[in-house]
Amino acid sequence: MTRRVTILARSAFGFSAAEVLNRLINLVTMMIASRHYGVAEFGRFGAAFALTGILAVFTCFIAPANLTRDLCQRPNERLAILVSYLWQRLFVMIGSSAFLVLVLSYGDPRQMALALFCYLFLYNLQTVMNARSGLMSQELFHLAALSSVVHSVLILLGAYVPVRLGLSLEMMTASLAASQVIALGFVLLLSAAHGYPLRQMARQRIDWAYMAWDLKRNLPLWLALSSIAGYSRINVVLCQALQGDYETGLFTAAQRFFLGFSLIAAIYQQVTYPRMVRDVEDAERTGAYMESSGRLLMVAGQLVAVLATLGGMGLMAAIWGRGFGASATATQVLIWALGVSFMNQVFSNILIAEGRPTMFMWITMAALAVNVAANLALIAPLGAVGASAASVMTEASVLAGMLWSLRAYHRTWAVLSATARSTAAAATVIIAARWAGLHGVPALVTVPAGSLLYLAAAWLTGVIPRHHLADVFRRLMPEPQAAADAPVEQLNGRSLV
């Protein structure tokens, strides 16, 4: 039983590391596209990815974690689980692709082709990651790492080669989709060479009972993650519909800058989540995790906000290329949602670990309604800046729901008080740095100095007290072996993945 827990924990860590790597590669791919194709074409690219990303939620989120868990917990049924899972993905791909074609059939044929290629890219991207989770479930971590490296190289080549050849945006996206097919073939070859009976899988019957049970158990969490996919992407689609490709390009640059820093919370969670799951029955420890993690990640997010606000147009032009300096205002608005987004990720993990996905579902569905209403009200008059403001309002509504749902830990006021003090410190530092800039102090001085002054102010105002830092560092350190090998029964039926 202890071996099973170890496999689950290592599989969760490996899958999270692969997710982090793919986010980095996705950011680099976007940078290649923006620098070569310009603001308007980048807007088309971002809108196509946003629309297909909403559909891709059907295949991206729940199944990989459950696949790893079920393969570890039910090794005698591995073959039937894999076949049922693959058929489930095939049904979803056919249905969502047909829906995508129907939605786009009355629009621009070029945009329809672009969206279809984006969807094939996203779908196969997740299929590759899911196949890699099967390798991790067999403790073939070195092969999973190898497939991740090959996967990343293929994505970069899929974007870089068409750009160097001067091909169209549609052809570059088709190249990205083709790179994922090659990567999937590579992972399947690795699997076949190390014990996966592909021929037997081809003859295996579908376990319809397992498929129905899998869909039923995931419904609340699937609805929650679908809502997140909606409110994190629908603003791009609405921006294109209401303001056109240029404003969409500016907002896409701001959003991709924002999402690039989500790696901070992803890395933190992949390290701390297994221990938090074990402690979830202990209200004092879970409350301490909620407050300490929330404070630290909120400060990290607001530090990035200070840097982005002081960096301005030069920073965005340096990252995305000429013409994207105009996205600075949208970025400077959107980036203030980063710290709140970090806290929301931590708090949502607590809800999931507690076995309360239904509460998570209602919070995110309400946030989706807020997001759509705010986007419709703000994009028409304000363009990309309005879409950014709507995103800030959405994250704030999610935070309110999370704090209300976790009020039993009695940490709500502490988190809100720390957030208010941190925001006041950041605003004061930004005003002082802007004043210095107006009086001739160069940005090379005001940006790093402002960042250091914000950290000092956060420390002096008690936003990150010493005992909270100690709690965070304790969670980041490796667990003693005895704790890591705790019996499955001590997890009270909860999954580490």
Foldseek 3Di string as FASTA:
>chain_A
DLVLLLLQLQLLLLLLVLVLLVLVLVLVLLLLCLAQPHLLVSLLLQLLLLVLLLLCLQPAPDPLSVLLNCCSVPVVCNLQSVLQSVVSLVVSVVVSLVVLCVVPVPDDPLSSLSSSLSNLLSSLVRVLSSLLSVCSSVVVSVVSVVLSVLLSVQQVCLRPVCSVVVHDPSSSSNSSSVSSVVSSVVSVVVCVVPDDPPVVSVVDDHPVVVNVVSCVVCVLLSLLVSLVSLLLRVLSNVLCVQPNSNLSSLLSLLSSVLSNVCSVLSVLCSLQLLVLLLCLVPLQLVLLCLQLQLLVLLLVLLLVLLLLLLCQLVVSCVRNHPPNSVSSLLNNLQSNLNSLVSSLVSLVSSCVSVVNSNLSSVQSNVLSVQLVVQSVVQCNVPRSNSNSNSNSVSSVSSSVSSCVVSCVSVCSVVSVVLSVQLVVLSVVLSVVLVVVVVVPDDSVPSSVVSSVSSVVSSDVVVSNDPVSVVSSVVSNDDDDPVVSSDDPVSSVPGGSD
